[in-house]
PDB file of N, CA and C in Angstrom:
ATOM      1  N   UNK A   1      24.225 -25.527  -8.520  1.00  0.00           N
ATOM      2  CA  UNK A   1      24.788 -24.454  -7.929  1.00  0.00           C
ATOM      3  C   UNK A   1      24.322 -23.160  -8.598  1.00  0.00           C
ATOM      4  N   UNK A   2      24.292 -23.067  -9.991  1.00  0.00           N
ATOM      5  CA  UNK A   2      23.983 -21.880 -10.587  1.00  0.00           C
ATOM      6  C   UNK A   2      22.405 -21.607 -10.410  1.00  0.00           C
ATOM      7  N   UNK A   3      21.609 -22.761 -10.245  1.00  0.00           N
ATOM      8  CA  UNK A   3      20.208 -22.574  -9.946  1.00  0.00           C
ATOM      9  C   UNK A   3      19.934 -21.925  -8.561  1.00  0.00           C
ATOM     10  N   UNK A   4      20.629 -22.403  -7.657  1.00  0.00           N
ATOM     11  CA  UNK A   4      20.603 -21.764  -6.232  1.00  0.00           C
ATOM     12  C   UNK A   4      20.921 -20.345  -6.247  1.00  0.00           C
ATOM     13  N   UNK A   5      21.992 -19.970  -7.013  1.00  0.00           N
ATOM     14  CA  UNK A   5      22.481 -18.614  -6.955  1.00  0.00           C
ATOM     15  C   UNK A   5      21.376 -17.758  -7.735  1.00  0.00           C
ATOM     16  N   UNK A   6      20.937 -18.252  -8.847  1.00  0.00           N
ATOM     17  CA  UNK A   6      19.858 -17.494  -9.580  1.00  0.00           C
ATOM     18  C   UNK A   6      18.694 -17.306  -8.677  1.00  0.00           C
ATOM     19  N   UNK A   7      18.154 -18.333  -8.125  1.00  0.00           N
ATOM     20  CA  UNK A   7      16.956 -18.274  -7.266  1.00  0.00           C
ATOM     21  C   UNK A   7      17.159 -17.325  -6.179  1.00  0.00           C
ATOM     22  N   UNK A   8      18.264 -17.283  -5.298  1.00  0.00           N
ATOM     23  CA  UNK A   8      18.554 -16.388  -4.354  1.00  0.00           C
ATOM     24  C   UNK A   8      18.676 -14.958  -4.822  1.00  0.00           C
ATOM     25  N   UNK A   9      19.222 -14.671  -5.981  1.00  0.00           N
ATOM     26  CA  UNK A   9      19.460 -13.445  -6.472  1.00  0.00           C
ATOM     27  C   UNK A   9      18.053 -12.860  -6.905  1.00  0.00           C
ATOM     28  N   UNK A  10      17.228 -13.693  -7.512  1.00  0.00           N
ATOM     29  CA  UNK A  10      15.769 -13.237  -7.863  1.00  0.00           C
ATOM     30  C   UNK A  10      15.050 -13.037  -6.600  1.00  0.00           C
ATOM     31  N   UNK A  11      15.102 -13.798  -5.492  1.00  0.00           N
ATOM     32  CA  UNK A  11      14.453 -13.592  -4.223  1.00  0.00           C
ATOM     33  C   UNK A  11      14.850 -12.182  -3.637  1.00  0.00           C
ATOM     34  N   UNK A  12      16.157 -11.959  -3.652  1.00  0.00           N
ATOM     35  CA  UNK A  12      16.547 -10.575  -3.044  1.00  0.00           C
ATOM     36  C   UNK A  12      16.033  -9.390  -4.038  1.00  0.00           C
ATOM     37  N   UNK A  13      16.117  -9.647  -5.234  1.00  0.00           N
ATOM     38  CA  UNK A  13      15.651  -8.549  -6.071  1.00  0.00           C
ATOM     39  C   UNK A  13      14.052  -8.244  -5.961  1.00  0.00           C
ATOM     40  N   UNK A  14      13.380  -9.349  -5.796  1.00  0.00           N
ATOM     41  CA  UNK A  14      11.730  -9.189  -5.609  1.00  0.00           C
ATOM     42  C   UNK A  14      11.623  -8.568  -4.210  1.00  0.00           C
ATOM     43  N   UNK A  15      12.290  -8.995  -3.238  1.00  0.00           N
ATOM     44  CA  UNK A  15      12.028  -8.569  -1.683  1.00  0.00           C
ATOM     45  C   UNK A  15      12.431  -7.140  -1.676  1.00  0.00           C
ATOM     46  N   UNK A  16      13.441  -6.668  -2.155  1.00  0.00           N
ATOM     47  CA  UNK A  16      13.943  -5.279  -2.013  1.00  0.00           C
ATOM     48  C   UNK A  16      13.085  -4.467  -2.980  1.00  0.00           C
ATOM     49  N   UNK A  17      12.733  -4.998  -4.054  1.00  0.00           N
ATOM     50  CA  UNK A  17      11.837  -4.138  -5.044  1.00  0.00           C
ATOM     51  C   UNK A  17      10.511  -3.749  -4.459  1.00  0.00           C
ATOM     52  N   UNK A  18       9.898  -4.551  -3.733  1.00  0.00           N
ATOM     53  CA  UNK A  18       8.576  -4.217  -3.165  1.00  0.00           C
ATOM     54  C   UNK A  18       8.692  -3.331  -1.868  1.00  0.00           C
ATOM     55  N   UNK A  19       9.831  -3.314  -1.343  1.00  0.00           N
ATOM     56  CA  UNK A  19       9.950  -2.535  -0.115  1.00  0.00           C
ATOM     57  C   UNK A  19      10.672  -1.255  -0.187  1.00  0.00           C
ATOM     58  N   UNK A  20      11.515  -1.051  -1.176  1.00  0.00           N
ATOM     59  CA  UNK A  20      12.369   0.091  -1.214  1.00  0.00           C
ATOM     60  C   UNK A  20      12.086   1.013  -2.325  1.00  0.00           C
ATOM     61  N   UNK A  21      11.431   0.677  -3.335  1.00  0.00           N
ATOM     62  CA  UNK A  21      11.080   1.576  -4.462  1.00  0.00           C
ATOM     63  C   UNK A  21      10.139   2.482  -4.171  1.00  0.00           C
ATOM     64  N   UNK A  22      10.310   3.704  -4.284  1.00  0.00           N
ATOM     65  CA  UNK A  22       9.312   4.827  -4.105  1.00  0.00           C
ATOM     66  C   UNK A  22       8.553   5.075  -5.335  1.00  0.00           C
ATOM     67  N   UNK A  23       7.349   5.229  -5.220  1.00  0.00           N
ATOM     68  CA  UNK A  23       6.419   5.521  -6.317  1.00  0.00           C
ATOM     69  C   UNK A  23       5.099   6.085  -5.776  1.00  0.00           C
ATOM     70  N   UNK A  24       4.298   6.461  -6.789  1.00  0.00           N
ATOM     71  CA  UNK A  24       2.979   7.104  -6.495  1.00  0.00           C
ATOM     72  C   UNK A  24       1.925   5.964  -6.239  1.00  0.00           C
ATOM     73  N   UNK A  25       1.059   6.161  -5.176  1.00  0.00           N
ATOM     74  CA  UNK A  25       0.014   5.182  -4.900  1.00  0.00           C
ATOM     75  C   UNK A  25      -1.195   5.879  -4.804  1.00  0.00           C
ATOM     76  N   UNK A  26      -2.400   5.162  -4.793  1.00  0.00           N
ATOM     77  CA  UNK A  26      -3.666   5.595  -4.687  1.00  0.00           C
ATOM     78  C   UNK A  26      -4.345   4.928  -3.424  1.00  0.00           C
ATOM     79  N   UNK A  27      -4.939   5.629  -2.648  1.00  0.00           N
ATOM     80  CA  UNK A  27      -5.623   5.162  -1.495  1.00  0.00           C
ATOM     81  C   UNK A  27      -7.161   5.431  -1.712  1.00  0.00           C
ATOM     82  N   UNK A  28      -7.982   4.289  -1.853  1.00  0.00           N
ATOM     83  CA  UNK A  28      -9.319   4.418  -2.031  1.00  0.00           C
ATOM     84  C   UNK A  28     -10.095   4.210  -0.774  1.00  0.00           C
ATOM     85  N   UNK A  29     -10.938   5.301  -0.356  1.00  0.00           N
ATOM     86  CA  UNK A  29     -11.624   5.132   0.896  1.00  0.00           C
ATOM     87  C   UNK A  29     -13.165   5.237   0.529  1.00  0.00           C
ATOM     88  N   UNK A  30     -13.997   4.432   1.254  1.00  0.00           N
ATOM     89  CA  UNK A  30     -15.322   4.259   1.103  1.00  0.00           C
ATOM     90  C   UNK A  30     -16.046   4.534   2.391  1.00  0.00           C
ATOM     91  N   UNK A  31     -17.007   5.478   2.438  1.00  0.00           N
ATOM     92  CA  UNK A  31     -17.793   5.729   3.622  1.00  0.00           C
ATOM     93  C   UNK A  31     -18.979   4.839   3.753  1.00  0.00           C
ATOM     94  N   UNK A  32     -19.718   5.000   4.942  1.00  0.00           N
ATOM     95  CA  UNK A  32     -20.776   3.996   5.194  1.00  0.00           C
ATOM     96  C   UNK A  32     -21.871   4.326   4.222  1.00  0.00           C
ATOM     97  N   UNK A  33     -21.989   5.363   3.457  1.00  0.00           N
ATOM     98  CA  UNK A  33     -23.009   5.548   2.422  1.00  0.00           C
ATOM     99  C   UNK A  33     -22.552   4.926   1.063  1.00  0.00           C
ATOM    100  N   UNK A  34     -21.362   4.507   0.948  1.00  0.00           N
ATOM    101  CA  UNK A  34     -21.039   3.852  -0.228  1.00  0.00           C
ATOM    102  C   UNK A  34     -20.222   4.856  -1.189  1.00  0.00           C
ATOM    103  N   UNK A  35     -19.987   6.047  -0.762  1.00  0.00           N
ATOM    104  CA  UNK A  35     -19.305   7.076  -1.517  1.00  0.00           C
ATOM    105  C   UNK A  35     -17.694   6.761  -1.492  1.00  0.00           C
ATOM    106  N   UNK A  36     -17.133   6.747  -2.567  1.00  0.00           N
ATOM    107  CA  UNK A  36     -15.767   6.472  -2.673  1.00  0.00           C
ATOM    108  C   UNK A  36     -14.873   7.704  -2.995  1.00  0.00           C
ATOM    109  N   UNK A  37     -13.763   7.816  -2.283  1.00  0.00           N
ATOM    110  CA  UNK A  37     -12.897   8.920  -2.508  1.00  0.00           C
ATOM    111  C   UNK A  37     -11.467   8.335  -2.821  1.00  0.00           C
ATOM    112  N   UNK A  38     -10.727   8.842  -3.833  1.00  0.00           N
ATOM    113  CA  UNK A  38      -9.469   8.318  -4.024  1.00  0.00           C
ATOM    114  C   UNK A  38      -8.475   9.489  -3.603  1.00  0.00           C
ATOM    115  N   UNK A  39      -7.389   9.109  -2.828  1.00  0.00           N
ATOM    116  CA  UNK A  39      -6.510   9.996  -2.282  1.00  0.00           C
ATOM    117  C   UNK A  39      -5.095   9.484  -2.798  1.00  0.00           C
ATOM    118  N   UNK A  40      -4.442  10.463  -3.354  1.00  0.00           N
ATOM    119  CA  UNK A  40      -2.962  10.269  -3.777  1.00  0.00           C
ATOM    120  C   UNK A  40      -1.908  10.175  -2.751  1.00  0.00           C
ATOM    121  N   UNK A  41      -1.118   9.183  -2.807  1.00  0.00           N
ATOM    122  CA  UNK A  41       0.053   9.114  -1.818  1.00  0.00           C
ATOM    123  C   UNK A  41       1.314   9.061  -2.701  1.00  0.00           C
ATOM    124  N   UNK A  42       1.992  10.154  -2.743  1.00  0.00           N
ATOM    125  CA  UNK A  42       3.069  10.190  -3.712  1.00  0.00           C
ATOM    126  C   UNK A  42       4.519  10.062  -3.164  1.00  0.00           C
ATOM    127  N   UNK A  43       5.355   9.401  -3.904  1.00  0.00           N
ATOM    128  CA  UNK A  43       6.686   9.177  -3.606  1.00  0.00           C
ATOM    129  C   UNK A  43       6.860   8.498  -2.346  1.00  0.00           C
ATOM    130  N   UNK A  44       6.329   7.317  -2.209  1.00  0.00           N
ATOM    131  CA  UNK A  44       6.333   6.466  -1.056  1.00  0.00           C
ATOM    132  C   UNK A  44       6.717   5.115  -1.340  1.00  0.00           C
ATOM    133  N   UNK A  45       7.288   4.393  -0.340  1.00  0.00           N
ATOM    134  CA  UNK A  45       7.452   2.905  -0.595  1.00  0.00           C
ATOM    135  C   UNK A  45       6.117   2.160  -0.309  1.00  0.00           C
ATOM    136  N   UNK A  46       6.011   0.954  -0.626  1.00  0.00           N
ATOM    137  CA  UNK A  46       4.742   0.198  -0.466  1.00  0.00           C
ATOM    138  C   UNK A  46       4.432   0.160   1.050  1.00  0.00           C
ATOM    139  N   UNK A  47       5.315  -0.132   2.027  1.00  0.00           N
ATOM    140  CA  UNK A  47       5.064  -0.267   3.386  1.00  0.00           C
ATOM    141  C   UNK A  47       4.646   1.025   3.854  1.00  0.00           C
ATOM    142  N   UNK A  48       5.208   2.084   3.548  1.00  0.00           N
ATOM    143  CA  UNK A  48       4.840   3.458   4.094  1.00  0.00           C
ATOM    144  C   UNK A  48       3.475   3.880   3.458  1.00  0.00           C
ATOM    145  N   UNK A  49       3.270   3.662   2.192  1.00  0.00           N
ATOM    146  CA  UNK A  49       1.956   4.010   1.629  1.00  0.00           C
ATOM    147  C   UNK A  49       0.770   3.195   2.179  1.00  0.00           C
ATOM    148  N   UNK A  50       1.118   1.858   2.488  1.00  0.00           N
ATOM    149  CA  UNK A  50       0.064   1.045   3.142  1.00  0.00           C
ATOM    150  C   UNK A  50      -0.283   1.526   4.565  1.00  0.00           C
ATOM    151  N   UNK A  51       0.820   2.019   5.297  1.00  0.00           N
ATOM    152  CA  UNK A  51       0.520   2.509   6.634  1.00  0.00           C
ATOM    153  C   UNK A  51      -0.239   3.839   6.536  1.00  0.00           C
ATOM    154  N   UNK A  52       0.123   4.727   5.730  1.00  0.00           N
ATOM    155  CA  UNK A  52      -0.535   6.022   5.510  1.00  0.00           C
ATOM    156  C   UNK A  52      -2.062   5.804   5.246  1.00  0.00           C
ATOM    157  N   UNK A  53      -2.322   4.840   4.333  1.00  0.00           N
ATOM    158  CA  UNK A  53      -3.621   4.580   3.804  1.00  0.00           C
ATOM    159  C   UNK A  53      -4.449   4.017   5.040  1.00  0.00           C
ATOM    160  N   UNK A  54      -3.928   3.026   5.805  1.00  0.00           N
ATOM    161  CA  UNK A  54      -4.592   2.479   6.892  1.00  0.00           C
ATOM    162  C   UNK A  54      -4.903   3.514   7.915  1.00  0.00           C
ATOM    163  N   UNK A  55      -4.022   4.430   8.052  1.00  0.00           N
ATOM    164  CA  UNK A  55      -4.277   5.490   9.043  1.00  0.00           C
ATOM    165  C   UNK A  55      -5.389   6.492   8.647  1.00  0.00           C
ATOM    166  N   UNK A  56      -5.827   6.416   7.384  1.00  0.00           N
ATOM    167  CA  UNK A  56      -6.956   7.253   6.961  1.00  0.00           C
ATOM    168  C   UNK A  56      -8.358   6.618   7.320  1.00  0.00           C
ATOM    169  N   UNK A  57      -8.313   5.300   7.782  1.00  0.00           N
ATOM    170  CA  UNK A  57      -9.523   4.613   8.347  1.00  0.00           C
ATOM    171  C   UNK A  57      -9.992   5.436   9.506  1.00  0.00           C
ATOM    172  N   UNK A  58     -11.300   5.522   9.704  1.00  0.00           N
ATOM    173  CA  UNK A  58     -11.777   6.135  10.968  1.00  0.00           C
ATOM    174  C   UNK A  58     -13.198   5.617  11.262  1.00  0.00           C
ATOM    175  N   UNK A  59     -13.412   5.625  12.579  1.00  0.00           N
ATOM    176  CA  UNK A  59     -14.873   5.242  12.941  1.00  0.00           C
ATOM    177  C   UNK A  59     -15.139   6.114  14.172  1.00  0.00           C
ATOM    178  N   UNK A  60     -16.161   6.947  14.032  1.00  0.00           N
ATOM    179  CA  UNK A  60     -16.629   7.864  15.097  1.00  0.00           C
ATOM    180  C   UNK A  60     -18.147   7.667  15.102  1.00  0.00           C
ATOM    181  N   UNK A  61     -18.602   7.208  16.235  1.00  0.00           N
ATOM    182  CA  UNK A  61     -20.106   6.988  16.358  1.00  0.00           C
ATOM    183  C   UNK A  61     -20.604   6.067  15.207  1.00  0.00           C
ATOM    184  N   UNK A  62     -21.469   6.626  14.493  1.00  0.00           N
ATOM    185  CA  UNK A  62     -21.956   5.721  13.451  1.00  0.00           C
ATOM    186  C   UNK A  62     -21.294   6.010  12.125  1.00  0.00           C
ATOM    187  N   UNK A  63     -20.549   7.124  12.101  1.00  0.00           N
ATOM    188  CA  UNK A  63     -19.777   7.369  10.833  1.00  0.00           C
ATOM    189  C   UNK A  63     -18.389   6.636  10.815  1.00  0.00           C
ATOM    190  N   UNK A  64     -18.197   6.052   9.594  1.00  0.00           N
ATOM    191  CA  UNK A  64     -17.049   5.192   9.509  1.00  0.00           C
ATOM    192  C   UNK A  64     -16.517   5.175   7.991  1.00  0.00           C
ATOM    193  N   UNK A  65     -15.315   5.090   7.884  1.00  0.00           N
ATOM    194  CA  UNK A  65     -14.847   5.055   6.502  1.00  0.00           C
ATOM    195  C   UNK A  65     -13.595   3.934   6.490  1.00  0.00           C
ATOM    196  N   UNK A  66     -13.610   3.125   5.497  1.00  0.00           N
ATOM    197  CA  UNK A  66     -12.468   2.183   5.486  1.00  0.00           C
ATOM    198  C   UNK A  66     -11.760   2.582   4.067  1.00  0.00           C
ATOM    199  N   UNK A  67     -10.449   2.323   4.204  1.00  0.00           N
ATOM    200  CA  UNK A  67      -9.544   2.809   3.144  1.00  0.00           C
ATOM    201  C   UNK A  67      -8.603   1.519   2.718  1.00  0.00           C
ATOM    202  N   UNK A  68      -8.348   1.391   1.425  1.00  0.00           N
ATOM    203  CA  UNK A  68      -7.461   0.377   0.959  1.00  0.00           C
ATOM    204  C   UNK A  68      -6.529   0.966  -0.137  1.00  0.00           C
ATOM    205  N   UNK A  69      -5.317   0.476  -0.140  1.00  0.00           N
ATOM    206  CA  UNK A  69      -4.323   0.945  -0.999  1.00  0.00           C
ATOM    207  C   UNK A  69      -4.547   0.193  -2.343  1.00  0.00           C
ATOM    208  N   UNK A  70      -4.563   1.054  -3.391  1.00  0.00           N
ATOM    209  CA  UNK A  70      -4.929   0.598  -4.808  1.00  0.00           C
ATOM    210  C   UNK A  70      -3.514   0.558  -5.539  1.00  0.00           C
TER     211      UNK A  70
END
């Protein structure tokens, strides 16, 4: 019983820790020429930072840039 309680408590702590803690993130974007730019995303949760970084991707004609959260 103690093991189940400990495991469930640990699971809840890990789950909420990754989604609710706000901190500073870095979004690294690379263009078609291989140039890399790092953009700061401050005081955001992991999910919000990931969404903001993904929104920085663009593709217009032959120009494109892909971004990934660091």
